[in-house]
Amino acid sequence: MRRSKRWLWLIPLAILVAVAGVSIWAATPPDPMPEALAALQPDAQVRVETGRWLAFWPEGDAPAVGFIFYPGARVDARSYAPAARDLARQGYLAVIVPMPLNLAVIAPGRAADVMAAYPDIRRWAVGGHSLGGAMAARFARQNPGLVQGVALWAAYPASSDDLSGSGLAAVSISGTADGLSTPDQIAASRPLLPPDTVWVAIEGGNHAQFGSYG
């Protein structure tokens, strides 16, 4: 018994090492590809704000609808700039929210900060890629009065975040060659989303192709 007690100190040490390893892994994401960095530059069509988050504004008329995007796990938020830029060109405010340690599960409520910062936006949708999409679904479930739509990219809600009766406008976009959020997992999420959800399967698409990070 005394011998086993002598080894008990290894348990917290092992936990500490594991946490440190995960933190280092999450904090060192792949670099954004050149096209992602280029999309951060403003032009005559799109104005870009950087700081707490990346906000892409259409030049001209002020948008009435905003989209808040949560990045996937261990993905640099800048890697989604091309998609956000395209949304801004179509007349929407698109905001990509960086996450602590690049993990949206640590701060799923950050969309509320974005909404508070832009009170002139009348309607909001939230969404994200992979873990980011799951956490956006969680935010939508926990804040039904703030959100009108949800967009999931290679993502699905947790069973505890059932949105089937939420009345939200919803879209689920996935890749048929995705080995992480597999077609079977996406299909299994159907009961967790509204009955009129739009389901889009990109033929040959894989998990990483939802961002520009190699």
Foldseek 3Di string as FASTA:
>chain_A
DVVVVVCVVVVVVVVVVVVVVLLVQLLQAFDFDPVLVVLQDDDQAWDWDDDQWIKIAGPDDGAQEEEEEEEDGSHDQSQQSVVQNVVNSVGYIYIYGQDRSRACVVPLQCVVVVCVVCVNRNAYEYAYAARRRQSSLQNCQVCLPHHQAYEYELYAHDPVSQCQPSNHAYEYEYECPEPPSHPVNVVVRCRRHHPPYHYHYHYHDYRVVSTRRD
